[in-house]
Protein backbone atom coordinates (compact mmCIF):
# COMPACT_ATOMS: atom_id res chain seq x y z
CA MET A 1 121.17 110.40 100.76
CA SER A 2 119.15 109.59 97.64
CA ALA A 3 117.11 106.73 96.29
CA THR A 4 119.92 105.90 93.84
CA ASP A 5 122.46 105.20 96.60
CA GLY A 6 120.13 102.90 98.50
CA GLY A 7 120.02 105.26 101.48
CA ARG A 8 123.72 104.70 102.27
CA ASP A 9 126.09 107.35 103.56
CA PRO A 10 127.84 108.82 100.48
CA LEU A 11 131.17 109.12 102.35
CA THR A 12 131.37 105.74 104.07
CA GLY A 13 128.97 103.67 102.00
CA GLU A 14 127.37 102.40 105.21
CA ALA A 15 123.68 102.03 105.87
CA PRO A 16 122.12 104.71 108.12
CA GLN A 17 121.64 102.27 111.01
CA ALA A 18 125.28 101.21 110.86
CA VAL A 19 126.40 104.84 111.01
CA LEU A 20 124.11 105.45 113.98
CA ASP A 21 125.38 102.33 115.76
CA GLU A 22 128.98 103.44 115.25
CA ALA A 23 128.19 106.88 116.64
CA ARG A 24 126.65 105.30 119.73
CA ARG A 25 129.72 103.11 120.23
CA TRP A 26 132.20 105.99 119.77
CA TRP A 27 132.23 106.72 123.50
CA GLN A 28 131.12 103.82 125.68
CA THR A 29 131.06 103.92 129.46
CA ASP A 30 129.81 101.79 132.31
CA ILE A 31 130.37 104.70 134.69
CA ILE A 32 127.63 107.25 134.14
CA ASP A 33 124.30 107.48 132.36
CA ILE A 34 122.74 110.90 131.82
CA HIS A 35 119.55 112.06 130.15
CA PRO A 36 117.61 115.31 130.52
CA GLY A 37 116.73 115.50 134.21
CA GLU A 38 118.52 112.22 135.03
CA ILE A 39 122.02 111.34 136.27
CA ALA A 40 123.05 107.87 137.43
CA LEU A 41 126.49 106.76 138.65
CA ARG A 42 127.01 103.06 138.01
CA GLY A 43 123.23 102.72 137.89
CA TYR A 44 122.55 104.60 141.14
CA PRO A 45 120.41 107.75 140.74
CA ILE A 46 122.44 110.75 141.85
CA GLN A 47 119.59 112.05 143.99
CA GLU A 48 119.69 108.85 146.05
CA LEU A 49 123.47 108.98 146.44
CA ILE A 50 123.44 112.60 147.65
CA GLY A 51 123.17 112.67 151.43
CA ASN A 52 123.38 108.88 151.74
CA VAL A 53 126.80 108.01 150.33
CA GLY A 54 130.09 109.61 151.33
CA PHE A 55 132.80 110.91 149.02
CA VAL A 56 135.15 107.99 149.75
CA ASP A 57 132.31 105.58 148.99
CA THR A 58 131.79 107.42 145.71
CA ILE A 59 135.48 107.13 144.80
CA TRP A 60 135.19 103.37 145.31
CA LEU A 61 131.95 103.23 143.34
CA MET A 62 133.37 105.12 140.40
CA LEU A 63 136.55 103.03 140.26
CA ARG A 64 135.19 99.62 141.18
CA GLY A 65 131.59 99.63 140.02
CA GLU A 66 129.92 98.84 143.34
CA LEU A 67 129.57 100.55 146.71
CA PRO A 68 132.05 99.43 149.38
CA THR A 69 131.16 98.11 152.79
CA ARG A 70 131.57 100.64 155.58
CA ALA A 71 134.69 98.81 156.76
CA GLN A 72 136.26 98.89 153.29
CA ALA A 73 135.50 102.59 152.94
CA ALA A 74 137.00 103.31 156.37
CA LEU A 75 140.27 101.59 155.46
CA LEU A 76 140.46 103.42 152.13
CA GLU A 77 139.73 106.71 153.87
CA ALA A 78 142.57 106.15 156.35
CA ALA A 79 145.02 105.69 153.48
CA LEU A 80 143.75 108.84 151.77
CA VAL A 81 144.03 110.91 154.96
CA ALA A 82 147.63 109.74 155.45
CA SER A 83 148.62 111.00 152.00
CA VAL A 84 147.01 114.46 152.03
CA ASP A 85 150.11 116.58 152.68
CA HIS A 86 153.80 116.44 153.53
CA GLY A 87 154.74 120.08 153.89
CA PRO A 88 155.76 122.96 151.60
CA GLN A 89 159.14 121.33 150.97
CA ALA A 90 157.40 118.53 149.04
CA PRO A 91 157.95 119.37 145.35
CA SER A 92 154.27 119.25 144.34
CA ILE A 93 153.26 121.56 147.19
CA ALA A 94 156.17 123.91 146.59
CA ILE A 95 155.32 124.13 142.89
CA ALA A 96 151.71 125.00 143.66
CA ARG A 97 152.79 127.81 145.98
CA MET A 98 155.39 129.15 143.56
CA ALA A 99 152.91 129.07 140.69
CA THR A 100 150.45 131.01 142.82
CA THR A 101 153.01 133.77 143.47
CA CYS A 102 153.49 134.00 139.69
CA GLY A 103 149.83 134.93 139.28
CA VAL A 104 148.59 131.51 138.19
CA PRO A 105 144.98 130.86 139.27
CA VAL A 106 143.91 127.93 141.44
CA ASN A 107 143.32 125.51 138.58
CA GLY A 108 146.69 126.29 136.99
CA ALA A 109 148.57 126.01 140.30
CA MET A 110 146.93 122.67 141.05
CA ALA A 111 147.60 121.36 137.55
CA SER A 112 151.25 122.42 137.77
CA ALA A 113 151.62 120.53 141.04
CA ILE A 114 149.79 117.40 139.91
CA ASN A 115 151.90 117.21 136.76
CA VAL A 116 155.03 116.46 138.80
CA LEU A 117 153.43 113.50 140.61
CA ASP A 118 155.19 111.10 138.29
CA ASP A 119 157.43 108.08 138.95
CA ILE A 120 159.82 109.74 141.42
CA HIS A 121 157.49 112.04 143.35
CA GLY A 122 154.09 110.37 143.40
CA GLY A 123 154.84 107.00 141.84
CA PRO A 124 156.47 104.92 144.62
CA GLY A 125 153.09 103.78 145.97
CA GLU A 126 152.13 102.32 142.59
CA GLN A 127 155.63 100.82 142.21
CA CYS A 128 155.44 99.29 145.69
CA MET A 129 152.10 97.68 144.83
CA GLU A 130 153.79 96.16 141.77
CA LEU A 131 156.58 94.90 144.05
CA TYR A 132 154.09 93.24 146.40
CA LEU A 133 152.22 91.70 143.47
CA GLU A 134 155.53 90.33 142.21
CA VAL A 135 156.04 88.59 145.55
CA ASP A 136 152.45 87.39 145.44
CA ALA A 137 153.09 85.86 141.99
CA GLU A 138 156.10 84.00 143.40
CA LEU A 139 153.77 82.40 145.94
CA GLU A 140 151.38 80.97 143.35
CA GLY A 141 151.06 77.25 143.89
CA GLY A 142 152.55 77.49 147.35
CA GLY A 143 155.95 78.51 148.59
CA ASP A 144 157.67 80.19 151.48
CA LEU A 145 156.80 83.86 151.93
CA ASP A 146 160.17 84.91 153.34
CA GLU A 147 162.00 83.18 150.50
CA ALA A 148 159.72 84.73 147.89
CA ALA A 149 160.32 88.19 149.35
CA ARG A 150 164.07 87.56 149.42
CA LEU A 151 164.09 86.46 145.78
CA VAL A 152 162.14 89.51 144.60
CA VAL A 153 164.25 91.96 146.62
CA GLN A 154 167.44 90.39 145.25
CA ARG A 155 166.05 90.48 141.71
CA HIS A 156 165.52 94.23 141.98
CA ARG A 157 168.96 94.77 143.48
CA ASP A 158 170.57 92.75 140.70
CA ALA A 159 168.74 94.99 138.22
CA GLY A 160 170.48 98.00 139.75
CA VAL A 161 167.60 99.33 141.83
CA ARG A 162 169.13 101.31 144.67
CA TYR A 163 166.01 102.36 146.56
CA LEU A 164 163.09 99.96 146.72
CA PRO A 165 159.81 101.90 146.57
CA GLY A 166 157.84 102.05 149.79
CA PHE A 167 160.79 101.74 152.17
CA GLY A 168 162.99 104.33 153.85
CA HIS A 169 162.43 108.05 154.11
CA ARG A 170 164.77 110.97 153.56
CA PHE A 171 163.11 112.99 156.35
CA HIS A 172 161.60 110.55 158.90
CA PRO A 173 163.74 107.94 160.67
CA LEU A 174 160.39 106.19 161.17
CA ASP A 175 157.39 107.36 159.18
CA PRO A 176 154.73 108.26 161.80
CA ARG A 177 152.01 107.00 159.46
CA LYS A 178 153.30 103.43 159.29
CA HIS A 179 152.14 101.88 162.56
CA PRO A 180 148.66 103.45 162.75
CA LEU A 181 147.86 102.31 159.23
CA LEU A 182 149.26 98.81 159.73
CA ALA A 183 147.25 98.51 162.95
CA LEU A 184 144.09 99.34 161.00
CA VAL A 185 144.97 96.67 158.44
CA ASP A 186 145.52 94.14 161.24
CA ASP A 187 142.16 95.03 162.76
CA ALA A 188 140.48 94.72 159.36
CA THR A 189 142.15 91.35 158.89
CA ALA A 190 140.89 90.14 162.27
CA ASP A 191 137.37 91.28 161.33
CA GLY A 192 137.51 89.50 157.97
CA VAL A 193 137.38 92.72 155.94
CA VAL A 194 140.68 91.88 154.19
CA THR A 195 142.78 88.73 154.08
CA GLY A 196 146.00 90.15 155.54
CA ARG A 197 147.97 88.55 152.70
CA PHE A 198 149.57 91.79 151.54
CA ALA A 199 150.25 92.99 155.06
CA ALA A 200 152.28 89.80 155.48
CA ILE A 201 153.98 90.38 152.12
CA GLY A 202 154.84 93.97 153.06
CA ARG A 203 156.36 92.88 156.34
CA ALA A 204 158.30 90.08 154.63
CA VAL A 205 159.72 92.54 152.09
CA GLU A 206 160.72 94.87 154.92
CA THR A 207 162.51 91.97 156.63
CA ALA A 208 164.28 90.97 153.40
CA ILE A 209 165.46 94.53 152.76
CA ASN A 210 166.99 94.76 156.22
CA VAL A 211 168.90 91.48 156.35
CA GLY A 212 172.47 92.28 157.40
CA ARG A 213 171.80 95.96 158.01
CA SER A 214 172.81 97.60 161.26
CA LYS A 215 170.51 100.55 160.56
CA PRO A 216 167.07 99.36 159.45
CA ILE A 217 165.15 100.76 156.49
CA PRO A 218 161.51 100.83 157.65
CA MET A 219 158.35 100.81 155.57
CA ASN A 220 157.11 104.31 154.76
CA VAL A 221 153.69 105.70 153.92
CA ASP A 222 153.92 104.52 150.31
CA GLY A 223 154.70 101.01 151.50
CA VAL A 224 151.83 100.82 153.95
CA THR A 225 149.25 102.46 151.69
CA ALA A 226 150.37 100.00 149.01
CA VAL A 227 149.49 97.25 151.48
CA ILE A 228 146.03 98.78 151.96
CA TYR A 229 145.31 99.27 148.27
CA CYS A 230 146.43 95.71 147.47
CA GLU A 231 144.35 94.33 150.34
CA LEU A 232 141.31 96.21 149.02
CA GLY A 233 141.81 94.87 145.50
CA PHE A 234 142.89 98.06 143.76
CA THR A 235 145.24 97.94 140.78
CA PRO A 236 148.63 99.70 140.86
CA GLN A 237 147.19 102.33 138.49
CA HIS A 238 144.37 102.92 140.96
CA GLY A 239 147.02 103.29 143.66
CA ARG A 240 148.73 106.12 141.78
CA GLY A 241 145.40 107.79 141.04
CA VAL A 242 144.00 107.73 144.56
CA PHE A 243 147.28 109.08 145.91
CA ILE A 244 146.93 112.00 143.50
CA LEU A 245 143.34 112.50 144.68
CA ALA A 246 144.52 112.64 148.29
CA ARG A 247 147.50 114.91 147.67
CA SER A 248 145.29 117.26 145.63
CA VAL A 249 143.62 118.24 148.91
CA GLY A 250 146.94 119.39 150.34
CA ILE A 251 147.83 121.11 147.07
CA LEU A 252 144.55 123.02 147.15
CA ALA A 253 145.00 124.02 150.78
CA HIS A 254 148.51 125.38 150.16
CA THR A 255 147.40 127.15 147.00
CA VAL A 256 144.58 128.94 148.82
CA GLU A 257 146.85 129.78 151.76
CA GLN A 258 149.46 131.29 149.43
CA LEU A 259 146.77 133.32 147.69
CA ALA A 260 145.79 134.75 151.06
CA GLN A 261 149.40 135.42 152.09
CA GLY A 262 150.25 137.14 148.84
CA GLY A 263 153.81 137.42 147.63
CA ARG A 264 155.25 137.82 144.18
CA ILE A 265 157.42 135.46 142.14
CA LYS A 266 158.73 133.38 144.99
CA GLY A 267 161.36 130.84 144.02
CA PRO A 268 162.34 127.63 145.81
CA VAL A 269 164.65 129.48 148.27
CA PRO A 270 164.73 133.05 149.66
CA LYS A 271 166.72 135.64 147.69
CA SER A 272 169.18 136.03 150.57
CA ILE A 273 170.23 132.38 150.31
CA GLY A 274 170.72 132.28 146.59
CA TYR A 275 172.25 129.22 144.97
CA THR A 276 175.62 127.60 144.29
CA TYR A 277 177.24 128.35 140.93
CA THR A 278 179.55 125.60 139.69
CA GLY A 279 180.41 126.81 136.16
CA PRO A 280 183.53 128.49 134.77
CA ALA A 281 185.02 131.60 136.40
CA ARG A 282 184.38 134.98 134.78
CA ARG A 283 186.17 135.14 131.43
CA PRO A 284 186.33 137.54 128.48
CA VAL A 285 184.61 136.82 125.20
CA PRO A 286 187.37 136.21 122.60
CA HIS A 287 187.54 138.76 119.79
CA GLU A 288 188.79 136.20 117.33
CA ARG A 289 187.40 132.68 117.01
CA GLU A 290 188.09 129.85 114.67
CA PRO A 291 185.90 129.99 111.54
């Protein structure tokens, strides 16, 4: 910059202070503040958090801006524990193990697994939270809970939704995680930790889904963890993210176990089982074809 340009940036024409202010605004965050020899998460010095605050508390702090109460952290932790793993047949876990047998390192195997935690495998918890919030919106200004749940369930059915997220399970007739988690929510409600509003909504949706059914479709782990995350004030996007955090623990465990077991290029089924071919029968390649 020269005296003739008034000290302005020759490319942008802006004054030096304006350029500096823009640079400082380029990345803005309320989450972390670091300087040489200093790290603070949401204003808390890292050296004071270490040894005094647990990992679940830190998840809450990073996402919500403040530390949770011990009761809030305990309820969040229960939901995380319930979502850690569901066996090597779960697509994300299977992908991690297969990737490992293809020589992919831990980070690559975990990334491959996490990348499939989308709407179908990994998203129902977030979608169920949205469902509960839809019922909650129906109740604004008063209204009957059972009727609100019925209206929302019918709305989704009319839209062609075959499986409502958070209910039913292809493997468990009754998800063993449902009742323990709901009991913790009920205890937290009795202690004033949460309101119990979304536990009631979840149960009302379950009732609405099963009207007229001889074989009930019970709430599954996605449905009950959605209750917990809504009760704790998390957004649906948070719900998806914390599920991924929890399942990453199982993905890591299976990746490390497969590394120890060894194996090379394992597919989804053993070689002896093979697969079912449904294409044309063997046929010769024609010598003459239409131009």
